[in-house]
Protein backbone atom coordinates (compact mmCIF):
# COMPACT_ATOMS: atom_id res chain seq x y z
CA MET A 1 74.23 -3.51 91.92
CA SER A 2 71.50 -4.67 89.59
CA GLU A 3 72.06 -7.55 87.19
CA LYS A 4 71.18 -6.54 83.64
CA LEU A 5 69.72 -9.01 81.19
CA GLY A 6 69.03 -8.77 77.48
CA ALA A 7 71.45 -6.94 75.22
CA GLU A 8 74.37 -7.12 77.64
CA ARG A 9 76.63 -10.10 76.99
CA HIS A 10 78.15 -10.44 80.46
CA THR A 11 77.11 -10.27 84.07
CA PRO A 12 78.96 -7.92 86.41
CA ASP A 13 80.82 -10.92 87.88
CA GLU A 14 81.99 -12.00 84.42
CA LEU A 15 83.10 -8.46 83.64
CA THR A 16 84.94 -8.31 86.96
CA GLN A 17 86.84 -11.48 86.04
CA GLU A 18 87.67 -10.13 82.58
CA LEU A 19 88.91 -6.86 84.05
CA GLU A 20 91.03 -8.72 86.62
CA ALA A 21 92.66 -10.84 83.93
CA LEU A 22 93.27 -7.78 81.76
CA ASP A 23 94.80 -5.80 84.62
CA MET A 24 97.06 -8.72 85.57
CA GLU A 25 98.37 -8.78 81.99
CA ILE A 26 98.95 -5.02 82.09
CA VAL A 27 100.98 -5.41 85.28
CA ARG A 28 102.93 -8.33 83.82
CA HIS A 29 103.92 -6.34 80.73
CA ALA A 30 104.70 -3.23 82.80
CA VAL A 31 107.05 -5.32 84.96
CA ILE A 32 108.76 -6.80 81.89
CA CYS A 33 109.34 -3.32 80.45
CA GLN A 34 109.96 -1.73 83.86
CA VAL A 35 107.34 0.92 83.12
CA ARG A 36 106.29 2.83 86.23
CA LEU A 37 102.62 3.03 85.30
CA PHE A 38 101.54 5.03 88.32
CA ASP A 39 104.00 7.88 87.90
CA PRO A 40 102.39 11.05 86.54
CA GLY A 41 102.18 11.13 82.76
CA VAL A 42 103.54 7.63 82.20
CA ILE A 43 100.31 6.11 80.88
CA ASP A 44 100.04 9.00 78.41
CA HIS A 45 103.56 8.22 77.19
CA VAL A 46 102.71 4.55 76.75
CA LEU A 47 99.49 5.35 74.88
CA SER A 48 101.48 7.78 72.69
CA ASN A 49 103.91 4.95 71.88
CA ASN A 50 106.79 6.75 73.62
CA THR A 51 109.23 4.14 74.95
CA VAL A 52 111.25 6.68 76.94
CA VAL A 53 109.32 5.48 80.03
CA CYS A 54 110.74 1.93 79.72
CA GLY A 55 113.48 0.84 82.07
CA GLU A 56 114.09 -2.22 79.89
CA ASP A 57 113.88 -2.42 76.10
CA HIS A 58 111.25 -5.03 75.17
CA PRO A 59 109.46 -3.73 72.06
CA THR A 60 106.97 -6.60 71.79
CA ALA A 61 106.01 -6.39 75.47
CA PHE A 62 105.71 -2.60 75.20
CA GLN A 63 103.35 -2.86 72.22
CA SER A 64 101.30 -5.44 74.12
CA LEU A 65 101.19 -3.15 77.16
CA ARG A 66 100.01 -0.26 74.99
CA GLY A 67 97.25 -2.35 73.40
CA LEU A 68 96.15 -3.72 76.76
CA LEU A 69 95.90 -0.20 78.19
CA TYR A 70 93.64 0.83 75.30
CA LEU A 71 91.54 -2.27 75.92
CA HIS A 72 91.42 -1.47 79.65
CA PHE A 73 90.02 2.01 79.02
CA GLU A 74 87.55 0.67 76.46
CA LEU A 75 86.28 -1.91 78.97
CA HIS A 76 85.83 0.86 81.56
CA ARG A 77 83.81 2.85 79.02
CA GLN A 78 81.65 -0.17 78.20
CA LEU A 79 81.04 -0.86 81.88
CA ALA A 80 79.86 2.71 82.43
CA GLU A 81 77.60 2.58 79.37
CA THR A 82 76.09 -0.79 80.24
CA TYR A 83 75.75 -0.59 84.02
CA GLY A 84 75.95 3.13 84.74
CA GLN A 85 78.84 5.01 86.28
CA ALA A 86 78.08 4.02 89.90
CA ASP A 87 77.92 0.28 89.19
CA ALA A 88 80.95 0.48 86.88
CA SER A 89 82.92 2.21 89.64
CA GLU A 90 81.90 -0.53 92.09
CA ILE A 91 83.11 -3.25 89.70
CA ILE A 92 86.41 -1.43 89.13
CA GLN A 93 86.93 -0.94 92.86
CA ARG A 94 86.28 -4.64 93.53
CA VAL A 95 88.88 -5.56 90.92
CA ARG A 96 91.48 -3.22 92.45
CA GLN A 97 90.86 -4.56 95.96
CA HIS A 98 91.10 -8.15 94.74
CA LEU A 99 94.29 -7.57 92.74
CA LEU A 100 96.19 -5.50 95.29
CA PRO A 101 97.32 -8.41 97.49
CA ARG A 102 98.17 -10.50 94.40
CA ILE A 103 100.33 -7.91 92.64
CA GLY A 104 101.69 -5.86 95.50
CA GLU A 105 105.27 -7.10 95.16
CA GLN A 106 105.28 -6.64 91.40
CA LEU A 107 103.95 -3.11 91.72
CA ASP A 108 106.45 -2.40 94.46
CA SER A 109 109.24 -3.21 92.00
CA LEU A 110 107.80 -0.57 89.66
CA PHE A 111 107.77 2.06 92.38
CA ASN A 112 111.18 1.42 93.92
CA ARG A 113 113.49 0.90 90.95
CA HIS A 114 115.66 3.79 89.86
CA ARG A 115 114.38 5.25 86.61
CA PRO A 116 116.81 5.61 83.70
CA GLY A 117 118.06 9.15 83.23
CA ASN A 118 117.39 10.17 86.86
């Protein structure tokens, strides 16, 4: 991956760290609200401000989760614009691989809890 200088404000390593921190916050808020982010359609519900996907009622945490998801997608867009799709995908993949061992148990709780109404 090539390092870009000039107009870009961050190196790929700095962007990787920012994305990691952002994704950790997303997971934290998803766990608080018991939102199963990886179930089909759930992210769309969160972005649409539909709290039906929450297992626990925490309005402030839900609003934070929603805002963080928007920020997450905006950062992905900026990465692709700045570094190109291939380099952006590499950064995103590095973040996922780094976070997986750190958040595995938290994500497991999102996958294995019984959803309300089921």
